[in-house]
Amino acid sequence: MAGDEYTIADMAIHPWYGALVKNRVYEAAEFLEAHTYKNVLRWTEEIDQRPAVKRGRIVNRTWGEPNEQLHERHEASDFELRTQDKLADGE
């Protein structure tokens, strides 16, 4: 966000600000005119592509597509084996 390298600042800001400009929360992108902030959108897209961010976005998620829901994470293999699309009903 504030430089060329990925830092803890990006990690801290992205979940909130990235969600706003991508219209994931509050349907705020239109109100904020997010489409006019090209560099912020580029930054968000770059961070969204990081494997750790992709994994982190599904942990404790109980809505959306079943393959994007990992209700509880206890082991690294949970990302491959325990998303809701892979579990039997009731687990």
PDB file of N, CA and C in Angstrom:
ATOM      1  N   MET A   1       0.835  -1.190   0.000  1.00  0.00           N
ATOM      2  CA  MET A   1       0.000   0.000   0.000  1.00  0.00           C
ATOM      3  C   MET A   1       0.875   1.247   0.000  1.00  0.00           C
ATOM      4  N   ALA A   2       1.937   1.208   0.788  1.00  0.00           N
ATOM      5  CA  ALA A   2       2.755   2.411   0.925  1.00  0.00           C
ATOM      6  C   ALA A   2       4.144   2.234   0.331  1.00  0.00           C
ATOM      7  N   GLY A   3       4.345   1.216  -0.464  1.00  0.00           N
ATOM      8  CA  GLY A   3       5.659   0.991  -1.047  1.00  0.00           C
ATOM      9  C   GLY A   3       5.610  -0.145  -2.049  1.00  0.00           C
ATOM     10  N   ASP A   4       6.776  -0.501  -2.553  1.00  0.00           N
ATOM     11  CA  ASP A   4       6.857  -1.533  -3.583  1.00  0.00           C
ATOM     12  C   ASP A   4       6.869  -2.952  -3.033  1.00  0.00           C
ATOM     13  N   GLU A   5       7.148  -3.110  -1.741  1.00  0.00           N
ATOM     14  CA  GLU A   5       7.240  -4.436  -1.157  1.00  0.00           C
ATOM     15  C   GLU A   5       6.005  -4.752  -0.314  1.00  0.00           C
ATOM     16  N   TYR A   6       5.670  -6.026  -0.268  1.00  0.00           N
ATOM     17  CA  TYR A   6       4.563  -6.520   0.556  1.00  0.00           C
ATOM     18  C   TYR A   6       5.008  -6.478   2.013  1.00  0.00           C
ATOM     19  N   THR A   7       4.257  -5.772   2.844  1.00  0.00           N
ATOM     20  CA  THR A   7       4.643  -5.610   4.245  1.00  0.00           C
ATOM     21  C   THR A   7       3.463  -5.919   5.163  1.00  0.00           C
ATOM     22  N   ILE A   8       3.734  -5.835   6.438  1.00  0.00           N
ATOM     23  CA  ILE A   8       2.673  -6.054   7.420  1.00  0.00           C
ATOM     24  C   ILE A   8       1.566  -5.005   7.280  1.00  0.00           C
ATOM     25  N   ALA A   9       1.899  -3.838   6.766  1.00  0.00           N
ATOM     26  CA  ALA A   9       0.863  -2.819   6.529  1.00  0.00           C
ATOM     27  C   ALA A   9      -0.150  -3.322   5.503  1.00  0.00           C
ATOM     28  N   ASP A  10       0.333  -3.964   4.447  1.00  0.00           N
ATOM     29  CA  ASP A  10      -0.576  -4.529   3.444  1.00  0.00           C
ATOM     30  C   ASP A  10      -1.450  -5.612   4.067  1.00  0.00           C
ATOM     31  N   MET A  11      -0.828  -6.446   4.900  1.00  0.00           N
ATOM     32  CA  MET A  11      -1.578  -7.524   5.556  1.00  0.00           C
ATOM     33  C   MET A  11      -2.673  -6.972   6.459  1.00  0.00           C
ATOM     34  N   ALA A  12      -2.384  -5.872   7.114  1.00  0.00           N
ATOM     35  CA  ALA A  12      -3.352  -5.282   8.040  1.00  0.00           C
ATOM     36  C   ALA A  12      -4.473  -4.546   7.315  1.00  0.00           C
ATOM     37  N   ILE A  13      -4.156  -3.873   6.234  1.00  0.00           N
ATOM     38  CA  ILE A  13      -5.126  -3.031   5.532  1.00  0.00           C
ATOM     39  C   ILE A  13      -5.997  -3.824   4.563  1.00  0.00           C
ATOM     40  N   HIS A  14      -5.419  -4.807   3.890  1.00  0.00           N
ATOM     41  CA  HIS A  14      -6.130  -5.500   2.814  1.00  0.00           C
ATOM     42  C   HIS A  14      -7.471  -6.112   3.214  1.00  0.00           C
ATOM     43  N   PRO A  15      -7.580  -6.829   4.333  1.00  0.00           N
ATOM     44  CA  PRO A  15      -8.883  -7.443   4.631  1.00  0.00           C
ATOM     45  C   PRO A  15     -10.028  -6.433   4.683  1.00  0.00           C
ATOM     46  N   TRP A  16      -9.763  -5.258   5.145  1.00  0.00           N
ATOM     47  CA  TRP A  16     -10.805  -4.243   5.253  1.00  0.00           C
ATOM     48  C   TRP A  16     -10.909  -3.414   3.974  1.00  0.00           C
ATOM     49  N   TYR A  17      -9.832  -2.762   3.593  1.00  0.00           N
ATOM     50  CA  TYR A  17      -9.900  -1.849   2.466  1.00  0.00           C
ATOM     51  C   TYR A  17     -10.091  -2.596   1.152  1.00  0.00           C
ATOM     52  N   GLY A  18      -9.423  -3.723   1.026  1.00  0.00           N
ATOM     53  CA  GLY A  18      -9.608  -4.534  -0.174  1.00  0.00           C
ATOM     54  C   GLY A  18     -11.047  -4.984  -0.327  1.00  0.00           C
ATOM     55  N   ALA A  19     -11.673  -5.354   0.782  1.00  0.00           N
ATOM     56  CA  ALA A  19     -13.078  -5.777   0.740  1.00  0.00           C
ATOM     57  C   ALA A  19     -14.000  -4.629   0.349  1.00  0.00           C
ATOM     58  N   LEU A  20     -13.701  -3.438   0.814  1.00  0.00           N
ATOM     59  CA  LEU A  20     -14.529  -2.279   0.457  1.00  0.00           C
ATOM     60  C   LEU A  20     -14.477  -1.996  -1.036  1.00  0.00           C
ATOM     61  N   VAL A  21     -13.274  -1.908  -1.588  1.00  0.00           N
ATOM     62  CA  VAL A  21     -13.170  -1.524  -2.998  1.00  0.00           C
ATOM     63  C   VAL A  21     -13.608  -2.643  -3.935  1.00  0.00           C
ATOM     64  N   LYS A  22     -13.587  -3.903  -3.462  1.00  0.00           N
ATOM     65  CA  LYS A  22     -14.059  -5.025  -4.274  1.00  0.00           C
ATOM     66  C   LYS A  22     -15.542  -5.298  -4.046  1.00  0.00           C
ATOM     67  N   ASN A  23     -16.192  -4.462  -3.255  1.00  0.00           N
ATOM     68  CA  ASN A  23     -17.630  -4.552  -2.988  1.00  0.00           C
ATOM     69  C   ASN A  23     -18.015  -5.835  -2.252  1.00  0.00           C
ATOM     70  N   ARG A  24     -17.117  -6.333  -1.410  1.00  0.00           N
ATOM     71  CA  ARG A  24     -17.395  -7.537  -0.630  1.00  0.00           C
ATOM     72  C   ARG A  24     -18.136  -7.215   0.664  1.00  0.00           C
ATOM     73  N   VAL A  25     -18.084  -5.974   1.102  1.00  0.00           N
ATOM     74  CA  VAL A  25     -18.777  -5.558   2.331  1.00  0.00           C
ATOM     75  C   VAL A  25     -19.486  -4.235   2.092  1.00  0.00           C
ATOM     76  N   TYR A  26     -20.622  -4.108   2.668  1.00  0.00           N
ATOM     77  CA  TYR A  26     -21.402  -2.866   2.680  1.00  0.00           C
ATOM     78  C   TYR A  26     -21.811  -2.343   1.309  1.00  0.00           C
ATOM     79  N   GLU A  27     -21.546  -3.075   0.257  1.00  0.00           N
ATOM     80  CA  GLU A  27     -21.845  -2.589  -1.091  1.00  0.00           C
ATOM     81  C   GLU A  27     -21.338  -1.160  -1.254  1.00  0.00           C
ATOM     82  N   ALA A  28     -20.112  -0.937  -0.823  1.00  0.00           N
ATOM     83  CA  ALA A  28     -19.554   0.411  -0.746  1.00  0.00           C
ATOM     84  C   ALA A  28     -18.792   0.849  -1.987  1.00  0.00           C
ATOM     85  N   ALA A  29     -18.447  -0.056  -2.878  1.00  0.00           N
ATOM     86  CA  ALA A  29     -17.599   0.298  -4.014  1.00  0.00           C
ATOM     87  C   ALA A  29     -18.193   1.414  -4.867  1.00  0.00           C
ATOM     88  N   GLU A  30     -19.484   1.358  -5.115  1.00  0.00           N
ATOM     89  CA  GLU A  30     -20.107   2.401  -5.930  1.00  0.00           C
ATOM     90  C   GLU A  30     -20.058   3.746  -5.214  1.00  0.00           C
ATOM     91  N   PHE A  31     -20.448   3.765  -3.951  1.00  0.00           N
ATOM     92  CA  PHE A  31     -20.434   5.006  -3.180  1.00  0.00           C
ATOM     93  C   PHE A  31     -19.031   5.600  -3.122  1.00  0.00           C
ATOM     94  N   LEU A  32     -18.031   4.750  -2.943  1.00  0.00           N
ATOM     95  CA  LEU A  32     -16.643   5.217  -2.865  1.00  0.00           C
ATOM     96  C   LEU A  32     -16.037   5.521  -4.230  1.00  0.00           C
ATOM     97  N   GLU A  33     -16.783   5.175  -5.296  1.00  0.00           N
ATOM     98  CA  GLU A  33     -16.281   5.317  -6.663  1.00  0.00           C
ATOM     99  C   GLU A  33     -14.939   4.604  -6.806  1.00  0.00           C
ATOM    100  N   ALA A  34     -14.909   3.372  -6.295  1.00  0.00           N
ATOM    101  CA  ALA A  34     -13.677   2.584  -6.261  1.00  0.00           C
ATOM    102  C   ALA A  34     -13.061   2.402  -7.638  1.00  0.00           C
ATOM    103  N   HIS A  35     -13.885   2.347  -8.668  1.00  0.00           N
ATOM    104  CA  HIS A  35     -13.362   2.149 -10.020  1.00  0.00           C
ATOM    105  C   HIS A  35     -12.418   3.268 -10.455  1.00  0.00           C
ATOM    106  N   THR A  36     -12.469   4.405  -9.788  1.00  0.00           N
ATOM    107  CA  THR A  36     -11.589   5.523 -10.162  1.00  0.00           C
ATOM    108  C   THR A  36     -10.213   5.420  -9.513  1.00  0.00           C
ATOM    109  N   TYR A  37     -10.060   4.518  -8.560  1.00  0.00           N
ATOM    110  CA  TYR A  37      -8.778   4.351  -7.860  1.00  0.00           C
ATOM    111  C   TYR A  37      -8.027   3.162  -8.459  1.00  0.00           C
ATOM    112  N   LYS A  38      -7.453   3.370  -9.628  1.00  0.00           N
ATOM    113  CA  LYS A  38      -6.817   2.288 -10.393  1.00  0.00           C
ATOM    114  C   LYS A  38      -5.700   1.601  -9.618  1.00  0.00           C
ATOM    115  N   ASN A  39      -4.877   2.362  -8.936  1.00  0.00           N
ATOM    116  CA  ASN A  39      -3.764   1.756  -8.202  1.00  0.00           C
ATOM    117  C   ASN A  39      -4.239   0.964  -6.993  1.00  0.00           C
ATOM    118  N   VAL A  40      -5.288   1.422  -6.343  1.00  0.00           N
ATOM    119  CA  VAL A  40      -5.832   0.672  -5.208  1.00  0.00           C
ATOM    120  C   VAL A  40      -6.432  -0.641  -5.709  1.00  0.00           C
ATOM    121  N   LEU A  41      -7.124  -0.597  -6.837  1.00  0.00           N
ATOM    122  CA  LEU A  41      -7.680  -1.822  -7.414  1.00  0.00           C
ATOM    123  C   LEU A  41      -6.574  -2.780  -7.834  1.00  0.00           C
ATOM    124  N   ARG A  42      -5.513  -2.267  -8.432  1.00  0.00           N
ATOM    125  CA  ARG A  42      -4.374  -3.102  -8.825  1.00  0.00           C
ATOM    126  C   ARG A  42      -3.758  -3.751  -7.591  1.00  0.00           C
ATOM    127  N   TRP A  43      -3.555  -2.949  -6.552  1.00  0.00           N
ATOM    128  CA  TRP A  43      -2.990  -3.444  -5.298  1.00  0.00           C
ATOM    129  C   TRP A  43      -3.864  -4.562  -4.722  1.00  0.00           C
ATOM    130  N   THR A  44      -5.171  -4.341  -4.719  1.00  0.00           N
ATOM    131  CA  THR A  44      -6.101  -5.344  -4.195  1.00  0.00           C
ATOM    132  C   THR A  44      -6.019  -6.637  -4.993  1.00  0.00           C
ATOM    133  N   GLU A  45      -5.990  -6.524  -6.311  1.00  0.00           N
ATOM    134  CA  GLU A  45      -5.900  -7.714  -7.165  1.00  0.00           C
ATOM    135  C   GLU A  45      -4.610  -8.477  -6.902  1.00  0.00           C
ATOM    136  N   GLU A  46      -3.498  -7.761  -6.777  1.00  0.00           N
ATOM    137  CA  GLU A  46      -2.212  -8.416  -6.527  1.00  0.00           C
ATOM    138  C   GLU A  46      -2.239  -9.179  -5.205  1.00  0.00           C
ATOM    139  N   ILE A  47      -2.767  -8.557  -4.178  1.00  0.00           N
ATOM    140  CA  ILE A  47      -2.801  -9.219  -2.873  1.00  0.00           C
ATOM    141  C   ILE A  47      -3.788 -10.380  -2.886  1.00  0.00           C
ATOM    142  N   ASP A  48      -4.916 -10.220  -3.564  1.00  0.00           N
ATOM    143  CA  ASP A  48      -5.907 -11.300  -3.658  1.00  0.00           C
ATOM    144  C   ASP A  48      -5.316 -12.566  -4.282  1.00  0.00           C
ATOM    145  N   GLN A  49      -4.294 -12.431  -5.120  1.00  0.00           N
ATOM    146  CA  GLN A  49      -3.696 -13.580  -5.803  1.00  0.00           C
ATOM    147  C   GLN A  49      -2.676 -14.331  -4.954  1.00  0.00           C
ATOM    148  N   ARG A  50      -2.300 -13.785  -3.819  1.00  0.00           N
ATOM    149  CA  ARG A  50      -1.319 -14.451  -2.954  1.00  0.00           C
ATOM    150  C   ARG A  50      -1.950 -15.719  -2.365  1.00  0.00           C
ATOM    151  N   PRO A  51      -1.249 -16.863  -2.443  1.00  0.00           N
ATOM    152  CA  PRO A  51      -1.811 -18.115  -1.919  1.00  0.00           C
ATOM    153  C   PRO A  51      -2.247 -18.028  -0.455  1.00  0.00           C
ATOM    154  N   ALA A  52      -1.473 -17.372   0.377  1.00  0.00           N
ATOM    155  CA  ALA A  52      -1.845 -17.271   1.797  1.00  0.00           C
ATOM    156  C   ALA A  52      -3.130 -16.468   1.980  1.00  0.00           C
ATOM    157  N   VAL A  53      -3.335 -15.468   1.155  1.00  0.00           N
ATOM    158  CA  VAL A  53      -4.559 -14.663   1.240  1.00  0.00           C
ATOM    159  C   VAL A  53      -5.755 -15.505   0.792  1.00  0.00           C
ATOM    160  N   LYS A  54      -5.586 -16.254  -0.281  1.00  0.00           N
ATOM    161  CA  LYS A  54      -6.669 -17.126  -0.744  1.00  0.00           C
ATOM    162  C   LYS A  54      -7.067 -18.118   0.343  1.00  0.00           C
ATOM    163  N   ARG A  55      -6.072 -18.701   1.005  1.00  0.00           N
ATOM    164  CA  ARG A  55      -6.374 -19.645   2.084  1.00  0.00           C
ATOM    165  C   ARG A  55      -7.032 -18.928   3.258  1.00  0.00           C
ATOM    166  N   GLY A  56      -6.485 -17.795   3.642  1.00  0.00           N
ATOM    167  CA  GLY A  56      -7.003 -17.067   4.796  1.00  0.00           C
ATOM    168  C   GLY A  56      -8.439 -16.614   4.641  1.00  0.00           C
ATOM    169  N   ARG A  57      -8.839 -16.312   3.419  1.00  0.00           N
ATOM    170  CA  ARG A  57     -10.206 -15.823   3.194  1.00  0.00           C
ATOM    171  C   ARG A  57     -11.273 -16.885   3.436  1.00  0.00           C
ATOM    172  N   ILE A  58     -10.899 -18.169   3.426  1.00  0.00           N
ATOM    173  CA  ILE A  58     -11.919 -19.205   3.607  1.00  0.00           C
ATOM    174  C   ILE A  58     -12.022 -19.701   5.048  1.00  0.00           C
ATOM    175  N   VAL A  59     -11.032 -19.398   5.889  1.00  0.00           N
ATOM    176  CA  VAL A  59     -11.039 -19.884   7.274  1.00  0.00           C
ATOM    177  C   VAL A  59     -12.164 -19.214   8.060  1.00  0.00           C
ATOM    178  N   ASN A  60     -12.922 -20.020   8.764  1.00  0.00           N
ATOM    179  CA  ASN A  60     -14.075 -19.592   9.574  1.00  0.00           C
ATOM    180  C   ASN A  60     -15.204 -19.003   8.737  1.00  0.00           C
ATOM    181  N   ARG A  61     -15.198 -19.237   7.465  1.00  0.00           N
ATOM    182  CA  ARG A  61     -16.255 -18.726   6.591  1.00  0.00           C
ATOM    183  C   ARG A  61     -17.415 -19.717   6.585  1.00  0.00           C
ATOM    184  N   THR A  62     -18.614 -19.238   6.831  1.00  0.00           N
ATOM    185  CA  THR A  62     -19.797 -20.102   6.889  1.00  0.00           C
ATOM    186  C   THR A  62     -20.847 -19.708   5.855  1.00  0.00           C
ATOM    187  N   TRP A  63     -20.469 -18.939   4.867  1.00  0.00           N
ATOM    188  CA  TRP A  63     -21.386 -18.513   3.813  1.00  0.00           C
ATOM    189  C   TRP A  63     -20.655 -18.613   2.480  1.00  0.00           C
ATOM    190  N   GLY A  64     -21.404 -18.529   1.412  1.00  0.00           N
ATOM    191  CA  GLY A  64     -20.810 -18.586   0.081  1.00  0.00           C
ATOM    192  C   GLY A  64     -20.719 -20.008  -0.443  1.00  0.00           C
ATOM    193  N   GLU A  65     -19.892 -20.179  -1.447  1.00  0.00           N
ATOM    194  CA  GLU A  65     -19.722 -21.482  -2.081  1.00  0.00           C
ATOM    195  C   GLU A  65     -19.100 -22.475  -1.097  1.00  0.00           C
ATOM    196  N   PRO A  66     -19.579 -23.717  -1.082  1.00  0.00           N
ATOM    197  CA  PRO A  66     -19.045 -24.704  -0.141  1.00  0.00           C
ATOM    198  C   PRO A  66     -17.528 -24.905  -0.243  1.00  0.00           C
ATOM    199  N   ASN A  67     -16.974 -24.821  -1.451  1.00  0.00           N
ATOM    200  CA  ASN A  67     -15.524 -24.997  -1.592  1.00  0.00           C
ATOM    201  C   ASN A  67     -14.736 -23.797  -1.073  1.00  0.00           C
ATOM    202  N   GLU A  68     -15.422 -22.732  -0.695  1.00  0.00           N
ATOM    203  CA  GLU A  68     -14.778 -21.544  -0.127  1.00  0.00           C
ATOM    204  C   GLU A  68     -15.095 -21.406   1.362  1.00  0.00           C
ATOM    205  N   GLN A  69     -15.523 -22.503   1.979  1.00  0.00           N
ATOM    206  CA  GLN A  69     -15.853 -22.497   3.412  1.00  0.00           C
ATOM    207  C   GLN A  69     -15.000 -23.531   4.145  1.00  0.00           C
ATOM    208  N   LEU A  70     -14.211 -23.059   5.084  1.00  0.00           N
ATOM    209  CA  LEU A  70     -13.461 -23.934   5.982  1.00  0.00           C
ATOM    210  C   LEU A  70     -13.844 -23.499   7.389  1.00  0.00           C
ATOM    211  N   HIS A  71     -14.835 -24.178   7.942  1.00  0.00           N
ATOM    212  CA  HIS A  71     -15.407 -23.738   9.216  1.00  0.00           C
ATOM    213  C   HIS A  71     -14.390 -23.734  10.345  1.00  0.00           C
ATOM    214  N   GLU A  72     -13.512 -24.717  10.375  1.00  0.00           N
ATOM    215  CA  GLU A  72     -12.463 -24.771  11.393  1.00  0.00           C
ATOM    216  C   GLU A  72     -11.178 -25.246  10.737  1.00  0.00           C
ATOM    217  N   ARG A  73     -10.065 -24.638  11.109  1.00  0.00           N
ATOM    218  CA  ARG A  73      -8.774 -25.067  10.590  1.00  0.00           C
ATOM    219  C   ARG A  73      -7.901 -25.504  11.751  1.00  0.00           C
ATOM    220  N   HIS A  74      -7.404 -26.750  11.674  1.00  0.00           N
ATOM    221  CA  HIS A  74      -6.535 -27.275  12.718  1.00  0.00           C
ATOM    222  C   HIS A  74      -5.209 -27.765  12.149  1.00  0.00           C
ATOM    223  N   GLU A  75      -5.181 -28.123  10.879  1.00  0.00           N
ATOM    224  CA  GLU A  75      -3.972 -28.626  10.236  1.00  0.00           C
ATOM    225  C   GLU A  75      -3.881 -28.040   8.835  1.00  0.00           C
ATOM    226  N   ALA A  76      -2.671 -28.006   8.298  1.00  0.00           N
ATOM    227  CA  ALA A  76      -2.473 -27.474   6.947  1.00  0.00           C
ATOM    228  C   ALA A  76      -3.303 -28.242   5.925  1.00  0.00           C
ATOM    229  N   SER A  77      -3.469 -29.538   6.128  1.00  0.00           N
ATOM    230  CA  SER A  77      -4.226 -30.357   5.176  1.00  0.00           C
ATOM    231  C   SER A  77      -5.714 -30.017   5.153  1.00  0.00           C
ATOM    232  N   ASP A  78      -6.197 -29.296   6.149  1.00  0.00           N
ATOM    233  CA  ASP A  78      -7.617 -28.930   6.180  1.00  0.00           C
ATOM    234  C   ASP A  78      -8.033 -28.144   4.936  1.00  0.00           C
ATOM    235  N   PHE A  79      -7.122 -27.366   4.365  1.00  0.00           N
ATOM    236  CA  PHE A  79      -7.459 -26.584   3.171  1.00  0.00           C
ATOM    237  C   PHE A  79      -7.815 -27.493   1.998  1.00  0.00           C
ATOM    238  N   GLU A  80      -7.196 -28.657   1.933  1.00  0.00           N
ATOM    239  CA  GLU A  80      -7.470 -29.590   0.844  1.00  0.00           C
ATOM    240  C   GLU A  80      -8.547 -30.612   1.200  1.00  0.00           C
ATOM    241  N   LEU A  81      -8.679 -30.924   2.490  1.00  0.00           N
ATOM    242  CA  LEU A  81      -9.531 -32.048   2.881  1.00  0.00           C
ATOM    243  C   LEU A  81     -10.814 -31.691   3.617  1.00  0.00           C
ATOM    244  N   ARG A  82     -10.931 -30.480   4.157  1.00  0.00           N
ATOM    245  CA  ARG A  82     -12.060 -30.208   5.054  1.00  0.00           C
ATOM    246  C   ARG A  82     -12.903 -28.991   4.674  1.00  0.00           C
ATOM    247  N   THR A  83     -12.835 -28.553   3.430  1.00  0.00           N
ATOM    248  CA  THR A  83     -13.780 -27.514   3.023  1.00  0.00           C
ATOM    249  C   THR A  83     -15.164 -28.160   2.954  1.00  0.00           C
ATOM    250  N   GLN A  84     -16.197 -27.357   3.048  1.00  0.00           N
ATOM    251  CA  GLN A  84     -17.560 -27.883   3.174  1.00  0.00           C
ATOM    252  C   GLN A  84     -17.980 -28.752   1.998  1.00  0.00           C
ATOM    253  N   ASP A  85     -17.432 -28.524   0.821  1.00  0.00           N
ATOM    254  CA  ASP A  85     -17.795 -29.357  -0.322  1.00  0.00           C
ATOM    255  C   ASP A  85     -17.243 -30.778  -0.189  1.00  0.00           C
ATOM    256  N   LYS A  86     -16.262 -30.975   0.702  1.00  0.00           N
ATOM    257  CA  LYS A  86     -15.654 -32.295   0.868  1.00  0.00           C
ATOM    258  C   LYS A  86     -16.160 -33.045   2.097  1.00  0.00           C
ATOM    259  N   LEU A  87     -16.921 -32.389   2.939  1.00  0.00           N
ATOM    260  CA  LEU A  87     -17.420 -33.018   4.160  1.00  0.00           C
ATOM    261  C   LEU A  87     -18.833 -33.546   3.971  1.00  0.00           C
ATOM    262  N   ALA A  88     -19.130 -34.612   4.677  1.00  0.00           N
ATOM    263  CA  ALA A  88     -20.495 -35.151   4.661  1.00  0.00           C
ATOM    264  C   ALA A  88     -21.396 -34.212   5.447  1.00  0.00           C
ATOM    265  N   ASP A  89     -22.678 -34.221   5.160  1.00  0.00           N
ATOM    266  CA  ASP A  89     -23.636 -33.392   5.901  1.00  0.00           C
ATOM    267  C   ASP A  89     -23.498 -33.649   7.395  1.00  0.00           C
ATOM    268  N   GLY A  90     -23.514 -32.571   8.159  1.00  0.00           N
ATOM    269  CA  GLY A  90     -23.485 -32.685   9.596  1.00  0.00           C
ATOM    270  C   GLY A  90     -22.112 -32.619  10.223  1.00  0.00           C
ATOM    271  N   GLU A  91     -21.054 -32.643   9.442  1.00  0.00           N
ATOM    272  CA  GLU A  91     -19.704 -32.554  10.027  1.00  0.00           C
ATOM    273  C   GLU A  91     -19.325 -31.132  10.292  1.00  0.00           C
TER     274      GLU A  91
END
